[in-house]
């Protein structure tokens, strides 16, 4: 779950090899808990055995510690910066269309 939450929400395609390295388990030992977590709705996603990845579209909310909250704050600040830049770009591009 920690690996899933450390990925950006718009790109949660995780190679199974990354999970095996972090958990020190074999591919088979990683696939089984992933397959078990899908029907009980701990996560939602698709396991691509051919590519050796799992795409997680949703994960069950959990209790966050101080480091996770700080990481979430940093990600939210990053998103707010992107949103602000998009707004400025939008204003610059549409200033001719808006009557003063």
C-alpha atoms as a PDB file:
ATOM      1  CA  UNK A   1       0.000   0.000   0.000  1.00  0.00           C
ATOM      2  CA  UNK A   2       2.905   2.337   0.732  1.00  0.00           C
ATOM      3  CA  UNK A   3       4.186   1.907  -2.836  1.00  0.00           C
ATOM      4  CA  UNK A   4       0.753   2.734  -4.242  1.00  0.00           C
ATOM      5  CA  UNK A   5       0.379   5.894  -2.179  1.00  0.00           C
ATOM      6  CA  UNK A   6       3.895   7.047  -3.034  1.00  0.00           C
ATOM      7  CA  UNK A   7       2.996   7.132  -6.738  1.00  0.00           C
ATOM      8  CA  UNK A   8       1.283  10.165  -8.275  1.00  0.00           C
ATOM      9  CA  UNK A   9      -2.456   9.652  -8.589  1.00  0.00           C
ATOM     10  CA  UNK A  10      -2.334  10.227 -12.344  1.00  0.00           C
ATOM     11  CA  UNK A  11       0.315   7.516 -12.908  1.00  0.00           C
ATOM     12  CA  UNK A  12      -0.182   4.496 -10.698  1.00  0.00           C
ATOM     13  CA  UNK A  13       1.197   1.902 -13.054  1.00  0.00           C
ATOM     14  CA  UNK A  14       3.611  -0.061 -10.875  1.00  0.00           C
ATOM     15  CA  UNK A  15       5.993  -2.707 -12.208  1.00  0.00           C
ATOM     16  CA  UNK A  16       5.739  -5.938 -10.227  1.00  0.00           C
ATOM     17  CA  UNK A  17       9.535  -5.938 -10.111  1.00  0.00           C
ATOM     18  CA  UNK A  18       9.444  -2.764  -7.979  1.00  0.00           C
ATOM     19  CA  UNK A  19       7.072  -4.479  -5.546  1.00  0.00           C
ATOM     20  CA  UNK A  20       9.270  -7.581  -5.385  1.00  0.00           C
ATOM     21  CA  UNK A  21      12.342  -5.469  -4.637  1.00  0.00           C
ATOM     22  CA  UNK A  22      10.606  -3.528  -1.846  1.00  0.00           C
ATOM     23  CA  UNK A  23       8.951  -6.569  -0.259  1.00  0.00           C
ATOM     24  CA  UNK A  24      11.773  -9.076  -0.870  1.00  0.00           C
ATOM     25  CA  UNK A  25       9.212 -11.550  -2.266  1.00  0.00           C
ATOM     26  CA  UNK A  26       9.101 -13.464  -5.532  1.00  0.00           C
ATOM     27  CA  UNK A  27       6.760 -12.428  -8.373  1.00  0.00           C
ATOM     28  CA  UNK A  28       4.389 -15.301  -7.541  1.00  0.00           C
ATOM     29  CA  UNK A  29       4.301 -14.285  -3.874  1.00  0.00           C
ATOM     30  CA  UNK A  30       3.472 -10.705  -4.899  1.00  0.00           C
ATOM     31  CA  UNK A  31       0.745 -11.592  -7.404  1.00  0.00           C
ATOM     32  CA  UNK A  32      -1.281 -13.661  -4.944  1.00  0.00           C
ATOM     33  CA  UNK A  33      -1.945 -10.879  -2.375  1.00  0.00           C
ATOM     34  CA  UNK A  34      -2.656  -8.455  -5.229  1.00  0.00           C
ATOM     35  CA  UNK A  35      -5.241 -10.839  -6.674  1.00  0.00           C
ATOM     36  CA  UNK A  36      -6.772 -11.313  -3.220  1.00  0.00           C
ATOM     37  CA  UNK A  37      -6.951  -7.552  -2.566  1.00  0.00           C
ATOM     38  CA  UNK A  38      -8.952  -6.826  -5.739  1.00  0.00           C
ATOM     39  CA  UNK A  39     -12.217  -8.676  -4.895  1.00  0.00           C
ATOM     40  CA  UNK A  40     -12.298  -7.373  -1.294  1.00  0.00           C
ATOM     41  CA  UNK A  41     -11.878  -3.807  -2.632  1.00  0.00           C
ATOM     42  CA  UNK A  42      -8.639  -2.915  -0.885  1.00  0.00           C
ATOM     43  CA  UNK A  43      -7.542  -1.717  -4.308  1.00  0.00           C
ATOM     44  CA  UNK A  44      -9.133  -1.387  -7.731  1.00  0.00           C
ATOM     45  CA  UNK A  45      -7.064  -1.915 -10.811  1.00  0.00           C
ATOM     46  CA  UNK A  46      -5.742  -4.237 -13.469  1.00  0.00           C
ATOM     47  CA  UNK A  47      -2.896  -6.717 -13.219  1.00  0.00           C
ATOM     48  CA  UNK A  48      -1.090  -7.035 -16.548  1.00  0.00           C
ATOM     49  CA  UNK A  49       0.860 -10.254 -16.247  1.00  0.00           C
ATOM     50  CA  UNK A  50       2.319  -9.944 -19.749  1.00  0.00           C
ATOM     51  CA  UNK A  51       3.802  -6.484 -19.060  1.00  0.00           C
ATOM     52  CA  UNK A  52       4.509  -7.373 -15.444  1.00  0.00           C
ATOM     53  CA  UNK A  53       2.697  -4.334 -14.033  1.00  0.00           C
ATOM     54  CA  UNK A  54      -0.311  -3.459 -11.956  1.00  0.00           C
ATOM     55  CA  UNK A  55      -2.338  -0.336 -12.644  1.00  0.00           C
ATOM     56  CA  UNK A  56      -4.109   0.865  -9.500  1.00  0.00           C
ATOM     57  CA  UNK A  57      -7.028   3.208 -10.127  1.00  0.00           C
ATOM     58  CA  UNK A  58      -8.185   3.375  -6.499  1.00  0.00           C
ATOM     59  CA  UNK A  59      -6.911   2.334  -3.073  1.00  0.00           C
ATOM     60  CA  UNK A  60      -8.770   2.009   0.215  1.00  0.00           C
ATOM     61  CA  UNK A  61      -8.201   5.113   2.356  1.00  0.00           C
ATOM     62  CA  UNK A  62      -6.014   4.583   5.398  1.00  0.00           C
ATOM     63  CA  UNK A  63      -4.705   6.304   8.496  1.00  0.00           C
ATOM     64  CA  UNK A  64      -1.783   8.583   7.680  1.00  0.00           C
ATOM     65  CA  UNK A  65       1.299   9.243   9.775  1.00  0.00           C
ATOM     66  CA  UNK A  66       3.164  12.551   9.935  1.00  0.00           C
ATOM     67  CA  UNK A  67       5.550  11.673   7.029  1.00  0.00           C
ATOM     68  CA  UNK A  68       2.615  10.676   4.798  1.00  0.00           C
ATOM     69  CA  UNK A  69       0.754  13.877   5.682  1.00  0.00           C
ATOM     70  CA  UNK A  70       3.837  15.947   4.796  1.00  0.00           C
ATOM     71  CA  UNK A  71       4.159  14.086   1.496  1.00  0.00           C
ATOM     72  CA  UNK A  72       0.474  14.665   0.783  1.00  0.00           C
ATOM     73  CA  UNK A  73       0.875  18.369   1.579  1.00  0.00           C
ATOM     74  CA  UNK A  74       3.832  18.589  -0.835  1.00  0.00           C
ATOM     75  CA  UNK A  75       1.850  16.860  -3.569  1.00  0.00           C
ATOM     76  CA  UNK A  76      -1.112  19.161  -2.965  1.00  0.00           C
ATOM     77  CA  UNK A  77       1.164  22.225  -3.094  1.00  0.00           C
ATOM     78  CA  UNK A  78       2.588  20.934  -6.388  1.00  0.00           C
ATOM     79  CA  UNK A  79      -0.915  20.455  -7.769  1.00  0.00           C
ATOM     80  CA  UNK A  80      -1.922  23.961  -6.655  1.00  0.00           C
ATOM     81  CA  UNK A  81       1.131  25.372  -8.458  1.00  0.00           C
ATOM     82  CA  UNK A  82       0.165  23.547 -11.659  1.00  0.00           C
ATOM     83  CA  UNK A  83      -3.412  24.766 -11.313  1.00  0.00           C
ATOM     84  CA  UNK A  84      -2.246  28.347 -10.820  1.00  0.00           C
ATOM     85  CA  UNK A  85       0.054  28.173 -13.883  1.00  0.00           C
ATOM     86  CA  UNK A  86      -2.809  26.770 -15.951  1.00  0.00           C
ATOM     87  CA  UNK A  87      -5.073  29.598 -14.796  1.00  0.00           C
ATOM     88  CA  UNK A  88      -2.462  32.227 -15.704  1.00  0.00           C
ATOM     89  CA  UNK A  89      -1.990  30.639 -19.116  1.00  0.00           C
ATOM     90  CA  UNK A  90      -5.754  30.540 -19.611  1.00  0.00           C
ATOM     91  CA  UNK A  91      -6.080  34.219 -18.691  1.00  0.00           C
ATOM     92  CA  UNK A  92      -3.258  35.180 -21.051  1.00  0.00           C
ATOM     93  CA  UNK A  93      -4.743  33.243 -23.958  1.00  0.00           C
ATOM     94  CA  UNK A  94      -8.320  34.455 -23.483  1.00  0.00           C
ATOM     95  CA  UNK A  95      -7.761  38.102 -22.591  1.00  0.00           C
ATOM     96  CA  UNK A  96      -8.770  39.129 -26.123  1.00  0.00           C
ATOM     97  CA  UNK A  97     -12.154  37.398 -25.789  1.00  0.00           C
ATOM     98  CA  UNK A  98     -13.157  39.002 -22.499  1.00  0.00           C
ATOM     99  CA  UNK A  99     -14.615  42.488 -22.708  1.00  0.00           C
ATOM    100  CA  UNK A 100     -13.054  45.037 -20.384  1.00  0.00           C
END
